[in-house]
Amino acid sequence: MVQLDVGDFEPAYSLIHLRAETTKSKRSREVAYGQASSRLFADYLAYRRQRFGRLDGALLRSESKRNVGAPLG
C-alpha cells in the first residue's frame, strides 16, 4: 500500500494499476474497487489536499510533526 502513487488510481473506472515493481510476484495488474471504497478514496484525497496542498507521487503521506507530508516508507 505505501508504494502506491496517486497516478496508480483511475477513479473514473474504479481501478488501481498495480505496477510490477510494487507487487510480490513482479507482475503488473489492475484491481477494481467498489463504490464504498471510491467514496473513501475521494474523501481521503480531499483531506490530503487540504492538509498538504496538491501533491503528486506517493498516495500515503506522513502526518508526524517531524516528517509532515513526506511519503510513508
C-alpha atoms as a PDB file:
ATOM      1  CA  MET A   1       0.000   0.000   0.000  1.00  0.00           C
ATOM      2  CA  VAL A   2       2.699   2.517   0.883  1.00  0.00           C
ATOM      3  CA  GLN A   3       4.233   2.191  -2.596  1.00  0.00           C
ATOM      4  CA  LEU A   4       1.058   3.284  -4.392  1.00  0.00           C
ATOM      5  CA  ASP A   5       1.109   6.617  -6.205  1.00  0.00           C
ATOM      6  CA  VAL A   6      -1.840   8.903  -6.851  1.00  0.00           C
ATOM      7  CA  GLY A   7      -1.360   8.199 -10.564  1.00  0.00           C
ATOM      8  CA  ASP A   8      -1.927   4.468  -9.993  1.00  0.00           C
ATOM      9  CA  PHE A   9      -5.628   5.145  -9.408  1.00  0.00           C
ATOM     10  CA  GLU A  10      -8.170   5.600 -12.156  1.00  0.00           C
ATOM     11  CA  PRO A  11     -11.280   6.869 -10.301  1.00  0.00           C
ATOM     12  CA  ALA A  12     -13.427   7.124 -13.445  1.00  0.00           C
ATOM     13  CA  TYR A  13     -13.239   3.337 -13.844  1.00  0.00           C
ATOM     14  CA  SER A  14     -12.679   2.419 -10.157  1.00  0.00           C
ATOM     15  CA  LEU A  15      -9.351   0.761 -10.960  1.00  0.00           C
ATOM     16  CA  ILE A  16      -5.961   0.593  -9.282  1.00  0.00           C
ATOM     17  CA  HIS A  17      -2.996  -0.094 -11.557  1.00  0.00           C
ATOM     18  CA  LEU A  18      -0.518  -2.183  -9.585  1.00  0.00           C
ATOM     19  CA  ARG A  19       2.912  -1.654 -11.087  1.00  0.00           C
ATOM     20  CA  ALA A  20       5.205  -4.692 -11.427  1.00  0.00           C
ATOM     21  CA  GLU A  21       7.795  -3.192  -9.060  1.00  0.00           C
ATOM     22  CA  THR A  22       5.193  -2.886  -6.269  1.00  0.00           C
ATOM     23  CA  THR A  23       3.932  -6.485  -6.330  1.00  0.00           C
ATOM     24  CA  LYS A  24       5.365  -9.605  -4.742  1.00  0.00           C
ATOM     25  CA  SER A  25       5.161 -11.581  -7.997  1.00  0.00           C
ATOM     26  CA  LYS A  26       6.697  -8.699 -10.024  1.00  0.00           C
ATOM     27  CA  ARG A  27       3.724  -8.758 -12.410  1.00  0.00           C
ATOM     28  CA  SER A  28       1.587  -5.724 -13.115  1.00  0.00           C
ATOM     29  CA  ARG A  29      -2.194  -5.970 -12.896  1.00  0.00           C
ATOM     30  CA  GLU A  30      -5.343  -3.940 -12.459  1.00  0.00           C
ATOM     31  CA  VAL A  31      -7.668  -4.289  -9.482  1.00  0.00           C
ATOM     32  CA  ALA A  32     -11.211  -2.958  -9.331  1.00  0.00           C
ATOM     33  CA  TYR A  33     -12.641  -1.360  -6.208  1.00  0.00           C
ATOM     34  CA  GLY A  34     -16.225  -0.744  -5.181  1.00  0.00           C
ATOM     35  CA  GLN A  35     -18.462   2.238  -4.612  1.00  0.00           C
ATOM     36  CA  ALA A  36     -17.786   2.491  -0.857  1.00  0.00           C
ATOM     37  CA  SER A  37     -14.012   2.467  -1.456  1.00  0.00           C
ATOM     38  CA  SER A  38     -14.455   5.054  -4.183  1.00  0.00           C
ATOM     39  CA  ARG A  39     -16.174   7.441  -1.747  1.00  0.00           C
ATOM     40  CA  LEU A  40     -13.491   6.846   0.894  1.00  0.00           C
ATOM     41  CA  PHE A  41     -10.755   7.462  -1.689  1.00  0.00           C
ATOM     42  CA  ALA A  42     -12.340  10.749  -2.793  1.00  0.00           C
ATOM     43  CA  ASP A  43     -12.717  11.852   0.837  1.00  0.00           C
ATOM     44  CA  TYR A  44      -9.085  10.958   1.582  1.00  0.00           C
ATOM     45  CA  LEU A  45      -7.844  12.911  -1.452  1.00  0.00           C
ATOM     46  CA  ALA A  46      -9.872  15.953  -0.388  1.00  0.00           C
ATOM     47  CA  TYR A  47      -8.447  15.727   3.164  1.00  0.00           C
ATOM     48  CA  ARG A  48      -4.925  15.210   1.826  1.00  0.00           C
ATOM     49  CA  ARG A  49      -5.242  18.223  -0.497  1.00  0.00           C
ATOM     50  CA  GLN A  50      -6.481  20.380   2.390  1.00  0.00           C
ATOM     51  CA  ARG A  51      -3.756  19.161   4.761  1.00  0.00           C
ATOM     52  CA  PHE A  52      -0.718  19.143   2.439  1.00  0.00           C
ATOM     53  CA  GLY A  53      -1.761  21.007  -0.692  1.00  0.00           C
ATOM     54  CA  ARG A  54      -1.602  19.405  -4.095  1.00  0.00           C
ATOM     55  CA  LEU A  55       0.947  16.602  -4.026  1.00  0.00           C
ATOM     56  CA  ASP A  56       1.622  14.083  -6.757  1.00  0.00           C
ATOM     57  CA  GLY A  57       3.594  10.942  -6.150  1.00  0.00           C
ATOM     58  CA  ALA A  58       3.111   8.739  -3.114  1.00  0.00           C
ATOM     59  CA  LEU A  59      -0.510   8.305  -2.063  1.00  0.00           C
ATOM     60  CA  LEU A  60       0.039   7.913   1.676  1.00  0.00           C
ATOM     61  CA  ARG A  61       1.759  10.809   3.450  1.00  0.00           C
ATOM     62  CA  SER A  62       3.122  11.214   6.964  1.00  0.00           C
ATOM     63  CA  GLU A  63       1.268  13.352   9.474  1.00  0.00           C
ATOM     64  CA  SER A  64       4.001  13.321  12.125  1.00  0.00           C
ATOM     65  CA  LYS A  65       5.395  16.689  13.190  1.00  0.00           C
ATOM     66  CA  ARG A  66       8.882  15.595  12.159  1.00  0.00           C
ATOM     67  CA  ASN A  67       8.037  14.448   8.611  1.00  0.00           C
ATOM     68  CA  VAL A  68       4.868  16.304   7.648  1.00  0.00           C
ATOM     69  CA  GLY A  69       3.861  15.444   4.097  1.00  0.00           C
ATOM     70  CA  ALA A  70       6.736  13.032   3.472  1.00  0.00           C
ATOM     71  CA  PRO A  71       5.851   9.769   1.728  1.00  0.00           C
ATOM     72  CA  LEU A  72       5.425   6.768   4.009  1.00  0.00           C
ATOM     73  CA  GLY A  73       8.140   4.137   3.653  1.00  0.00           C
END
